[in-house]
All heavy atoms as atom14 arrays in JSON, in Angstrom:
{
  "sequence": "AALPAAVRDKVDELMAEGRSVQAVFAVRSSGVEPRPGLRACQDLVAE",
  "atom14_mask": [
    [1, 1, 1, 1, 1, 0, 0, 0, 0, 0, 0, 0, 0, 0],
    [1, 1, 1, 1, 1, 0, 0, 0, 0, 0, 0, 0, 0, 0],
    [1, 1, 1, 1, 1, 1, 1, 1, 0, 0, 0, 0, 0, 0],
    [1, 1, 1, 1, 1, 1, 1, 0, 0, 0, 0, 0, 0, 0],
    [1, 1, 1, 1, 1, 0, 0, 0, 0, 0, 0, 0, 0, 0],
    [1, 1, 1, 1, 1, 0, 0, 0, 0, 0, 0, 0, 0, 0],
    [1, 1, 1, 1, 1, 1, 1, 0, 0, 0, 0, 0, 0, 0],
    [1, 1, 1, 1, 1, 1, 1, 1, 1, 1, 1, 0, 0, 0],
    [1, 1, 1, 1, 1, 1, 1, 1, 0, 0, 0, 0, 0, 0],
    [1, 1, 1, 1, 1, 1, 1, 1, 1, 0, 0, 0, 0, 0],
    [1, 1, 1, 1, 1, 1, 1, 0, 0, 0, 0, 0, 0, 0],
    [1, 1, 1, 1, 1, 1, 1, 1, 0, 0, 0, 0, 0, 0],
    [1, 1, 1, 1, 1, 1, 1, 1, 1, 0, 0, 0, 0, 0],
    [1, 1, 1, 1, 1, 1, 1, 1, 0, 0, 0, 0, 0, 0],
    [1, 1, 1, 1, 1, 1, 1, 1, 0, 0, 0, 0, 0, 0],
    [1, 1, 1, 1, 1, 0, 0, 0, 0, 0, 0, 0, 0, 0],
    [1, 1, 1, 1, 1, 1, 1, 1, 1, 0, 0, 0, 0, 0],
    [1, 1, 1, 1, 0, 0, 0, 0, 0, 0, 0, 0, 0, 0],
    [1, 1, 1, 1, 1, 1, 1, 1, 1, 1, 1, 0, 0, 0],
    [1, 1, 1, 1, 1, 1, 0, 0, 0, 0, 0, 0, 0, 0],
    [1, 1, 1, 1, 1, 1, 1, 0, 0, 0, 0, 0, 0, 0],
    [1, 1, 1, 1, 1, 1, 1, 1, 1, 0, 0, 0, 0, 0],
    [1, 1, 1, 1, 1, 0, 0, 0, 0, 0, 0, 0, 0, 0],
    [1, 1, 1, 1, 1, 1, 1, 0, 0, 0, 0, 0, 0, 0],
    [1, 1, 1, 1, 1, 1, 1, 1, 1, 1, 1, 0, 0, 0],
    [1, 1, 1, 1, 1, 0, 0, 0, 0, 0, 0, 0, 0, 0],
    [1, 1, 1, 1, 1, 1, 1, 0, 0, 0, 0, 0, 0, 0],
    [1, 1, 1, 1, 1, 1, 1, 1, 1, 1, 1, 0, 0, 0],
    [1, 1, 1, 1, 1, 1, 0, 0, 0, 0, 0, 0, 0, 0],
    [1, 1, 1, 1, 1, 1, 0, 0, 0, 0, 0, 0, 0, 0],
    [1, 1, 1, 1, 0, 0, 0, 0, 0, 0, 0, 0, 0, 0],
    [1, 1, 1, 1, 1, 1, 1, 0, 0, 0, 0, 0, 0, 0],
    [1, 1, 1, 1, 1, 1, 1, 1, 1, 0, 0, 0, 0, 0],
    [1, 1, 1, 1, 1, 1, 1, 0, 0, 0, 0, 0, 0, 0],
    [1, 1, 1, 1, 1, 1, 1, 1, 1, 1, 1, 0, 0, 0],
    [1, 1, 1, 1, 1, 1, 1, 0, 0, 0, 0, 0, 0, 0],
    [1, 1, 1, 1, 0, 0, 0, 0, 0, 0, 0, 0, 0, 0],
    [1, 1, 1, 1, 1, 1, 1, 1, 0, 0, 0, 0, 0, 0],
    [1, 1, 1, 1, 1, 1, 1, 1, 1, 1, 1, 0, 0, 0],
    [1, 1, 1, 1, 1, 0, 0, 0, 0, 0, 0, 0, 0, 0],
    [1, 1, 1, 1, 1, 1, 0, 0, 0, 0, 0, 0, 0, 0],
    [1, 1, 1, 1, 1, 1, 1, 1, 1, 0, 0, 0, 0, 0],
    [1, 1, 1, 1, 1, 1, 1, 1, 0, 0, 0, 0, 0, 0],
    [1, 1, 1, 1, 1, 1, 1, 1, 0, 0, 0, 0, 0, 0],
    [1, 1, 1, 1, 1, 1, 1, 0, 0, 0, 0, 0, 0, 0],
    [1, 1, 1, 1, 1, 0, 0, 0, 0, 0, 0, 0, 0, 0],
    [1, 1, 1, 1, 1, 1, 1, 1, 1, 0, 0, 0, 0, 0]
  ],
  "atom14_positions": [
    [[-14.85, -3.73, -39.52], [-14.84, -3.41, -41.02], [-13.59, -4.06, -41.69], [-13.67, -4.45, -42.83], [-14.96, -1.87, -41.32], [0.0, 0.0, 0.0], [0.0, 0.0, 0.0], [0.0, 0.0, 0.0], [0.0, 0.0, 0.0], [0.0, 0.0, 0.0], [0.0, 0.0, 0.0], [0.0, 0.0, 0.0], [0.0, 0.0, 0.0], [0.0, 0.0, 0.0]],
    [[-12.51, -4.08, -40.91], [-11.28, -4.67, -41.51], [-11.17, -6.21, -41.56], [-10.4, -6.71, -42.27], [-10.04, -4.17, -40.63], [0.0, 0.0, 0.0], [0.0, 0.0, 0.0], [0.0, 0.0, 0.0], [0.0, 0.0, 0.0], [0.0, 0.0, 0.0], [0.0, 0.0, 0.0], [0.0, 0.0, 0.0], [0.0, 0.0, 0.0], [0.0, 0.0, 0.0]],
    [[-12.04, -6.8, -40.72], [-12.06, -8.28, -40.75], [-12.61, -8.81, -42.04], [-13.61, -8.28, -42.54], [-12.97, -8.9, -39.58], [-12.47, -8.46, -38.23], [-13.5, -8.97, -37.17], [-11.21, -9.12, -37.98], [0.0, 0.0, 0.0], [0.0, 0.0, 0.0], [0.0, 0.0, 0.0], [0.0, 0.0, 0.0], [0.0, 0.0, 0.0], [0.0, 0.0, 0.0]],
    [[-12.03, -10.02, -42.6], [-12.62, -10.58, -43.74], [-13.96, -11.08, -43.47], [-14.36, -11.34, -42.25], [-11.64, -11.85, -43.9], [-10.44, -11.42, -43.12], [-10.83, -10.58, -42.06], [0.0, 0.0, 0.0], [0.0, 0.0, 0.0], [0.0, 0.0, 0.0], [0.0, 0.0, 0.0], [0.0, 0.0, 0.0], [0.0, 0.0, 0.0], [0.0, 0.0, 0.0]],
    [[-14.84, -11.13, -44.44], [-16.32, -11.62, -44.23], [-16.38, -12.83, -43.53], [-17.21, -13.05, -42.7], [-16.94, -11.54, -45.6], [0.0, 0.0, 0.0], [0.0, 0.0, 0.0], [0.0, 0.0, 0.0], [0.0, 0.0, 0.0], [0.0, 0.0, 0.0], [0.0, 0.0, 0.0], [0.0, 0.0, 0.0], [0.0, 0.0, 0.0], [0.0, 0.0, 0.0]],
    [[-15.51, -13.78, -43.89], [-15.55, -15.17, -43.3], [-15.24, -15.11, -41.81], [-15.96, -15.81, -40.99], [-14.51, -16.06, -43.98], [0.0, 0.0, 0.0], [0.0, 0.0, 0.0], [0.0, 0.0, 0.0], [0.0, 0.0, 0.0], [0.0, 0.0, 0.0], [0.0, 0.0, 0.0], [0.0, 0.0, 0.0], [0.0, 0.0, 0.0], [0.0, 0.0, 0.0]],
    [[-14.42, -14.16, -41.29], [-14.13, -14.06, -39.97], [-15.3, -13.43, -39.23], [-15.74, -13.82, -38.19], [-12.8, -13.26, -39.68], [-12.59, -12.99, -38.25], [-11.6, -14.0, -40.19], [0.0, 0.0, 0.0], [0.0, 0.0, 0.0], [0.0, 0.0, 0.0], [0.0, 0.0, 0.0], [0.0, 0.0, 0.0], [0.0, 0.0, 0.0], [0.0, 0.0, 0.0]],
    [[-15.91, -12.37, -39.94], [-17.16, -11.76, -39.33], [-18.22, -12.86, -39.18], [-18.87, -12.89, -38.1], [-17.56, -10.68, -40.18], [-16.6, -9.45, -40.05], [-17.28, -8.15, -40.68], [-17.69, -8.35, -42.02], [-17.06, -8.02, -43.13], [-15.81, -7.38, -43.07], [-17.48, -8.17, -44.35], [0.0, 0.0, 0.0], [0.0, 0.0, 0.0], [0.0, 0.0, 0.0]],
    [[-18.41, -13.64, -40.06], [-19.43, -14.69, -39.98], [-19.05, -15.73, -38.87], [-19.93, -16.08, -38.19], [-19.56, -15.59, -41.35], [-20.09, -14.73, -42.44], [-20.73, -13.71, -42.21], [-19.98, -15.07, -43.66], [0.0, 0.0, 0.0], [0.0, 0.0, 0.0], [0.0, 0.0, 0.0], [0.0, 0.0, 0.0], [0.0, 0.0, 0.0], [0.0, 0.0, 0.0]],
    [[-17.81, -16.03, -38.79], [-17.45, -16.98, -37.66], [-17.62, -16.36, -36.3], [-18.09, -17.07, -35.42], [-15.94, -17.28, -37.9], [-15.43, -18.38, -36.95], [-16.07, -19.59, -37.14], [-15.56, -20.77, -36.21], [-16.21, -21.94, -36.45], [0.0, 0.0, 0.0], [0.0, 0.0, 0.0], [0.0, 0.0, 0.0], [0.0, 0.0, 0.0], [0.0, 0.0, 0.0]],
    [[-17.22, -15.12, -36.15], [-17.52, -14.32, -34.98], [-18.99, -14.42, -34.59], [-19.47, -14.76, -33.45], [-17.1, -12.96, -34.99], [-17.49, -12.12, -33.72], [-15.44, -13.0, -34.95], [0.0, 0.0, 0.0], [0.0, 0.0, 0.0], [0.0, 0.0, 0.0], [0.0, 0.0, 0.0], [0.0, 0.0, 0.0], [0.0, 0.0, 0.0], [0.0, 0.0, 0.0]],
    [[-19.85, -14.11, -35.54], [-21.34, -14.12, -35.36], [-21.8, -15.61, -34.88], [-22.64, -15.66, -33.95], [-22.04, -13.66, -36.54], [-22.04, -12.06, -36.7], [-21.54, -11.49, -35.87], [-22.47, -11.73, -37.8], [0.0, 0.0, 0.0], [0.0, 0.0, 0.0], [0.0, 0.0, 0.0], [0.0, 0.0, 0.0], [0.0, 0.0, 0.0], [0.0, 0.0, 0.0]],
    [[-21.25, -16.58, -35.56], [-21.63, -17.96, -35.17], [-21.18, -18.38, -33.77], [-21.93, -18.87, -33.03], [-20.92, -18.93, -36.17], [-21.09, -20.28, -35.95], [-20.24, -21.14, -36.93], [-20.11, -20.85, -38.13], [-19.68, -22.25, -36.5], [0.0, 0.0, 0.0], [0.0, 0.0, 0.0], [0.0, 0.0, 0.0], [0.0, 0.0, 0.0], [0.0, 0.0, 0.0]],
    [[-19.96, -17.99, -33.49], [-19.43, -18.2, -32.17], [-20.19, -17.49, -31.05], [-20.6, -18.08, -30.03], [-17.88, -17.9, -32.09], [-17.09, -18.85, -32.83], [-15.66, -18.16, -33.04], [-16.86, -20.23, -32.18], [0.0, 0.0, 0.0], [0.0, 0.0, 0.0], [0.0, 0.0, 0.0], [0.0, 0.0, 0.0], [0.0, 0.0, 0.0], [0.0, 0.0, 0.0]],
    [[-20.61, -16.27, -31.39], [-21.39, -15.43, -30.39], [-22.75, -16.01, -30.08], [-23.26, -16.03, -29.07], [-21.34, -14.0, -30.72], [-20.06, -13.31, -30.59], [-19.28, -13.49, -29.03], [-20.37, -12.56, -28.05], [0.0, 0.0, 0.0], [0.0, 0.0, 0.0], [0.0, 0.0, 0.0], [0.0, 0.0, 0.0], [0.0, 0.0, 0.0], [0.0, 0.0, 0.0]],
    [[-23.36, -16.5, -31.33], [-24.59, -17.19, -31.15], [-24.67, -18.46, -30.33], [-25.54, -18.79, -29.68], [-25.21, -17.46, -32.53], [0.0, 0.0, 0.0], [0.0, 0.0, 0.0], [0.0, 0.0, 0.0], [0.0, 0.0, 0.0], [0.0, 0.0, 0.0], [0.0, 0.0, 0.0], [0.0, 0.0, 0.0], [0.0, 0.0, 0.0], [0.0, 0.0, 0.0]],
    [[-23.47, -19.06, -30.28], [-23.23, -20.24, -29.55], [-22.73, -19.87, -28.04], [-22.58, -20.75, -27.22], [-22.18, -21.14, -30.08], [-22.73, -21.78, -31.46], [-21.68, -22.47, -32.16], [-20.42, -22.45, -31.77], [-21.85, -22.87, -33.24], [0.0, 0.0, 0.0], [0.0, 0.0, 0.0], [0.0, 0.0, 0.0], [0.0, 0.0, 0.0], [0.0, 0.0, 0.0]],
    [[-22.7, -18.59, -27.74], [-22.17, -18.12, -26.49], [-20.66, -18.47, -26.27], [-20.19, -18.48, -25.12], [0.0, 0.0, 0.0], [0.0, 0.0, 0.0], [0.0, 0.0, 0.0], [0.0, 0.0, 0.0], [0.0, 0.0, 0.0], [0.0, 0.0, 0.0], [0.0, 0.0, 0.0], [0.0, 0.0, 0.0], [0.0, 0.0, 0.0], [0.0, 0.0, 0.0]],
    [[-19.83, -18.41, -27.33], [-18.47, -18.83, -27.17], [-17.65, -17.52, -27.54], [-16.86, -17.47, -28.4], [-18.11, -19.92, -28.18], [-18.85, -21.11, -27.92], [-18.81, -22.24, -28.96], [-17.39, -22.62, -29.09], [-16.83, -23.32, -30.09], [-17.74, -23.69, -31.11], [-15.59, -23.71, -30.21], [0.0, 0.0, 0.0], [0.0, 0.0, 0.0], [0.0, 0.0, 0.0]],
    [[-17.65, -16.61, -26.45], [-16.95, -15.4, -26.75], [-15.4, -15.49, -26.66], [-14.81, -14.7, -27.42], [-17.42, -14.26, -25.61], [-17.09, -14.85, -24.4], [0.0, 0.0, 0.0], [0.0, 0.0, 0.0], [0.0, 0.0, 0.0], [0.0, 0.0, 0.0], [0.0, 0.0, 0.0], [0.0, 0.0, 0.0], [0.0, 0.0, 0.0], [0.0, 0.0, 0.0]],
    [[-14.94, -16.37, -25.91], [-13.45, -16.55, -25.86], [-12.94, -17.0, -27.3], [-11.97, -16.39, -27.74], [-13.04, -17.5, -24.81], [-11.56, -17.96, -24.86], [-13.33, -17.01, -23.37], [0.0, 0.0, 0.0], [0.0, 0.0, 0.0], [0.0, 0.0, 0.0], [0.0, 0.0, 0.0], [0.0, 0.0, 0.0], [0.0, 0.0, 0.0], [0.0, 0.0, 0.0]],
    [[-13.61, -17.97, -27.92], [-13.22, -18.41, -29.13], [-13.4, -17.26, -30.27], [-12.54, -17.14, -31.16], [-14.05, -19.6, -29.53], [-13.73, -20.82, -28.74], [-14.38, -20.94, -27.44], [-15.13, -20.08, -26.98], [-14.16, -22.01, -26.69], [0.0, 0.0, 0.0], [0.0, 0.0, 0.0], [0.0, 0.0, 0.0], [0.0, 0.0, 0.0], [0.0, 0.0, 0.0]],
    [[-14.45, -16.46, -30.06], [-14.7, -15.37, -30.95], [-13.56, -14.37, -30.99], [-13.0, -13.79, -31.84], [-16.0, -14.63, -30.68], [0.0, 0.0, 0.0], [0.0, 0.0, 0.0], [0.0, 0.0, 0.0], [0.0, 0.0, 0.0], [0.0, 0.0, 0.0], [0.0, 0.0, 0.0], [0.0, 0.0, 0.0], [0.0, 0.0, 0.0], [0.0, 0.0, 0.0]],
    [[-13.04, -14.07, -29.62], [-11.93, -13.13, -29.45], [-10.74, -13.76, -30.2], [-9.92, -13.04, -30.91], [-11.46, -12.89, -27.97], [-10.17, -12.32, -27.82], [-12.66, -12.13, -27.24], [0.0, 0.0, 0.0], [0.0, 0.0, 0.0], [0.0, 0.0, 0.0], [0.0, 0.0, 0.0], [0.0, 0.0, 0.0], [0.0, 0.0, 0.0], [0.0, 0.0, 0.0]],
    [[-10.45, -15.1, -30.0], [-9.37, -15.72, -30.72], [-9.46, -15.56, -32.19], [-8.52, -15.3, -32.88], [-9.29, -17.23, -30.3], [-8.13, -17.91, -30.93], [-6.83, -17.85, -30.57], [-8.44, -18.81, -32.05], [-5.82, -18.48, -31.25], [-7.42, -19.49, -32.72], [-6.12, -19.36, -32.39], [0.0, 0.0, 0.0], [0.0, 0.0, 0.0], [0.0, 0.0, 0.0]],
    [[-10.61, -15.79, -32.76], [-10.85, -15.71, -34.16], [-10.51, -14.2, -34.72], [-9.92, -14.06, -35.77], [-12.27, -15.96, -34.55], [0.0, 0.0, 0.0], [0.0, 0.0, 0.0], [0.0, 0.0, 0.0], [0.0, 0.0, 0.0], [0.0, 0.0, 0.0], [0.0, 0.0, 0.0], [0.0, 0.0, 0.0], [0.0, 0.0, 0.0], [0.0, 0.0, 0.0]],
    [[-10.84, -13.17, -33.96], [-10.56, -11.8, -34.31], [-9.0, -11.58, -34.27], [-8.4, -11.2, -35.18], [-11.26, -10.8, -33.32], [-10.7, -9.36, -33.78], [-12.73, -10.9, -33.63], [0.0, 0.0, 0.0], [0.0, 0.0, 0.0], [0.0, 0.0, 0.0], [0.0, 0.0, 0.0], [0.0, 0.0, 0.0], [0.0, 0.0, 0.0], [0.0, 0.0, 0.0]],
    [[-8.4, -12.07, -33.14], [-6.87, -11.91, -33.0], [-6.11, -12.7, -34.02], [-5.01, -12.18, -34.39], [-6.43, -12.29, -31.64], [-6.85, -11.3, -30.58], [-6.04, -11.17, -29.3], [-4.73, -11.66, -29.35], [-3.64, -10.86, -29.2], [-3.86, -9.62, -29.29], [-2.37, -11.21, -29.09], [0.0, 0.0, 0.0], [0.0, 0.0, 0.0], [0.0, 0.0, 0.0]],
    [[-6.6, -13.76, -34.54], [-5.89, -14.68, -35.41], [-6.43, -14.43, -36.91], [-6.15, -15.14, -37.8], [-6.01, -16.05, -35.09], [-7.33, -16.52, -35.07], [0.0, 0.0, 0.0], [0.0, 0.0, 0.0], [0.0, 0.0, 0.0], [0.0, 0.0, 0.0], [0.0, 0.0, 0.0], [0.0, 0.0, 0.0], [0.0, 0.0, 0.0], [0.0, 0.0, 0.0]],
    [[-7.11, -13.35, -37.17], [-7.76, -13.14, -38.5], [-6.8, -12.7, -39.55], [-7.12, -12.74, -40.73], [-8.81, -11.93, -38.34], [-8.17, -10.68, -37.99], [0.0, 0.0, 0.0], [0.0, 0.0, 0.0], [0.0, 0.0, 0.0], [0.0, 0.0, 0.0], [0.0, 0.0, 0.0], [0.0, 0.0, 0.0], [0.0, 0.0, 0.0], [0.0, 0.0, 0.0]],
    [[-5.63, -12.21, -39.18], [-4.65, -11.74, -40.27], [-4.63, -10.28, -40.43], [-3.82, -9.83, -41.24], [0.0, 0.0, 0.0], [0.0, 0.0, 0.0], [0.0, 0.0, 0.0], [0.0, 0.0, 0.0], [0.0, 0.0, 0.0], [0.0, 0.0, 0.0], [0.0, 0.0, 0.0], [0.0, 0.0, 0.0], [0.0, 0.0, 0.0], [0.0, 0.0, 0.0]],
    [[-5.49, -9.64, -39.81], [-5.56, -8.13, -39.78], [-4.17, -7.7, -39.24], [-3.74, -8.03, -38.19], [-6.65, -7.58, -39.0], [-6.56, -6.06, -38.83], [-8.02, -8.01, -39.66], [0.0, 0.0, 0.0], [0.0, 0.0, 0.0], [0.0, 0.0, 0.0], [0.0, 0.0, 0.0], [0.0, 0.0, 0.0], [0.0, 0.0, 0.0], [0.0, 0.0, 0.0]],
    [[-3.49, -6.76, -39.91], [-2.32, -6.1, -39.57], [-2.6, -4.6, -39.3], [-3.19, -4.0, -40.06], [-1.18, -6.3, -40.67], [-0.79, -7.75, -40.83], [-0.06, -8.23, -39.61], [0.57, -7.45, -38.91], [-0.08, -9.49, -39.35], [0.0, 0.0, 0.0], [0.0, 0.0, 0.0], [0.0, 0.0, 0.0], [0.0, 0.0, 0.0], [0.0, 0.0, 0.0]],
    [[-2.01, -4.01, -38.25], [-1.28, -4.71, -37.19], [-2.31, -5.55, -36.46], [-3.45, -5.29, -36.39], [-0.74, -3.6, -36.39], [-1.52, -2.32, -36.66], [-2.2, -2.52, -37.99], [0.0, 0.0, 0.0], [0.0, 0.0, 0.0], [0.0, 0.0, 0.0], [0.0, 0.0, 0.0], [0.0, 0.0, 0.0], [0.0, 0.0, 0.0], [0.0, 0.0, 0.0]],
    [[-1.71, -6.69, -35.74], [-2.66, -7.54, -34.98], [-3.33, -6.75, -33.95], [-2.64, -6.07, -33.15], [-1.78, -8.76, -34.45], [-2.56, -9.69, -33.77], [-1.68, -10.83, -33.25], [-2.56, -11.86, -32.7], [-1.89, -12.86, -31.96], [-0.63, -12.94, -31.62], [-2.82, -13.72, -31.5], [0.0, 0.0, 0.0], [0.0, 0.0, 0.0], [0.0, 0.0, 0.0]],
    [[-4.62, -6.93, -33.81], [-5.41, -6.13, -32.85], [-5.04, -6.66, -31.38], [-4.88, -7.93, -31.24], [-6.85, -6.28, -33.1], [-6.82, -7.55, -34.11], [-5.47, -7.66, -34.72], [0.0, 0.0, 0.0], [0.0, 0.0, 0.0], [0.0, 0.0, 0.0], [0.0, 0.0, 0.0], [0.0, 0.0, 0.0], [0.0, 0.0, 0.0], [0.0, 0.0, 0.0]],
    [[-5.07, -5.77, -30.48], [-4.71, -6.11, -29.07], [-5.91, -6.83, -28.44], [-7.03, -6.81, -28.92], [0.0, 0.0, 0.0], [0.0, 0.0, 0.0], [0.0, 0.0, 0.0], [0.0, 0.0, 0.0], [0.0, 0.0, 0.0], [0.0, 0.0, 0.0], [0.0, 0.0, 0.0], [0.0, 0.0, 0.0], [0.0, 0.0, 0.0], [0.0, 0.0, 0.0]],
    [[-5.6, -7.53, -27.37], [-6.65, -8.38, -26.6], [-7.81, -7.46, -26.2], [-8.93, -7.95, -26.49], [-6.05, -8.99, -25.52], [-6.85, -9.96, -24.6], [-7.54, -11.0, -25.55], [-6.15, -10.5, -23.45], [0.0, 0.0, 0.0], [0.0, 0.0, 0.0], [0.0, 0.0, 0.0], [0.0, 0.0, 0.0], [0.0, 0.0, 0.0], [0.0, 0.0, 0.0]],
    [[-7.6, -6.25, -25.66], [-8.67, -5.57, -25.28], [-9.56, -5.09, -26.36], [-10.72, -5.08, -26.3], [-8.13, -4.31, -24.42], [-9.1, -3.18, -24.14], [-10.33, -3.79, -23.3], [-9.88, -4.38, -21.95], [-10.66, -5.04, -21.13], [-11.92, -5.25, -21.52], [-10.15, -5.52, -20.05], [0.0, 0.0, 0.0], [0.0, 0.0, 0.0], [0.0, 0.0, 0.0]],
    [[-8.96, -4.72, -27.51], [-9.78, -4.24, -28.72], [-10.63, -5.41, -29.13], [-11.76, -5.21, -29.46], [-8.72, -3.78, -29.79], [0.0, 0.0, 0.0], [0.0, 0.0, 0.0], [0.0, 0.0, 0.0], [0.0, 0.0, 0.0], [0.0, 0.0, 0.0], [0.0, 0.0, 0.0], [0.0, 0.0, 0.0], [0.0, 0.0, 0.0], [0.0, 0.0, 0.0]],
    [[-10.0, -6.68, -29.2], [-10.81, -7.81, -29.58], [-11.99, -8.01, -28.64], [-13.07, -8.38, -28.92], [-9.89, -9.06, -29.63], [-8.65, -8.79, -30.98], [0.0, 0.0, 0.0], [0.0, 0.0, 0.0], [0.0, 0.0, 0.0], [0.0, 0.0, 0.0], [0.0, 0.0, 0.0], [0.0, 0.0, 0.0], [0.0, 0.0, 0.0], [0.0, 0.0, 0.0]],
    [[-11.64, -8.0, -27.31], [-12.67, -8.32, -26.25], [-13.82, -7.17, -26.46], [-15.02, -7.52, -26.33], [-12.12, -8.19, -24.89], [-11.22, -9.29, -24.46], [-10.47, -9.07, -23.29], [-10.07, -8.1, -22.97], [-10.42, -10.33, -22.42], [0.0, 0.0, 0.0], [0.0, 0.0, 0.0], [0.0, 0.0, 0.0], [0.0, 0.0, 0.0], [0.0, 0.0, 0.0]],
    [[-13.39, -5.92, -26.7], [-14.45, -4.86, -26.9], [-15.4, -5.18, -28.02], [-16.57, -4.94, -27.98], [-13.77, -3.48, -26.77], [-13.16, -3.08, -25.54], [-13.46, -3.69, -24.52], [-12.47, -2.11, -25.56], [0.0, 0.0, 0.0], [0.0, 0.0, 0.0], [0.0, 0.0, 0.0], [0.0, 0.0, 0.0], [0.0, 0.0, 0.0], [0.0, 0.0, 0.0]],
    [[-14.62, -5.48, -29.03], [-15.41, -5.78, -30.41], [-16.4, -6.91, -30.09], [-17.51, -6.86, -30.65], [-14.37, -6.12, -31.54], [-15.07, -6.49, -32.84], [-15.69, -5.26, -33.45], [-14.04, -7.13, -33.69], [0.0, 0.0, 0.0], [0.0, 0.0, 0.0], [0.0, 0.0, 0.0], [0.0, 0.0, 0.0], [0.0, 0.0, 0.0], [0.0, 0.0, 0.0]],
    [[-15.9, -8.0, -29.61], [-16.67, -9.21, -29.35], [-17.97, -8.84, -28.42], [-19.08, -9.18, -28.6], [-15.94, -10.33, -28.85], [-16.81, -11.48, -28.33], [-15.02, -10.91, -30.03], [0.0, 0.0, 0.0], [0.0, 0.0, 0.0], [0.0, 0.0, 0.0], [0.0, 0.0, 0.0], [0.0, 0.0, 0.0], [0.0, 0.0, 0.0], [0.0, 0.0, 0.0]],
    [[-17.63, -8.07, -27.37], [-18.82, -7.65, -26.5], [-19.77, -6.74, -27.28], [-20.98, -7.0, -27.08], [-18.09, -6.96, -25.35], [0.0, 0.0, 0.0], [0.0, 0.0, 0.0], [0.0, 0.0, 0.0], [0.0, 0.0, 0.0], [0.0, 0.0, 0.0], [0.0, 0.0, 0.0], [0.0, 0.0, 0.0], [0.0, 0.0, 0.0], [0.0, 0.0, 0.0]],
    [[-19.27, -5.91, -28.05], [-20.16, -5.1, -28.92], [-21.1, -5.86, -29.81], [-22.24, -5.63, -30.02], [-19.37, -4.0, -29.61], [-20.23, -3.06, -30.45], [-19.35, -1.96, -31.18], [-18.24, -1.8, -30.78], [-19.96, -1.43, -32.17], [0.0, 0.0, 0.0], [0.0, 0.0, 0.0], [0.0, 0.0, 0.0], [0.0, 0.0, 0.0], [0.0, 0.0, 0.0]]
  ]
}
């Protein structure tokens, strides 16, 4: 919910392409403060 809409769209696009590592990077570099941890990003992308 905290991610900007453009980042959510990018994550969906990357996941549709099977690019989960890039999706994690998109979440981590989204500008959300405090910066989400790697595990939280991985869990989010998996979900």
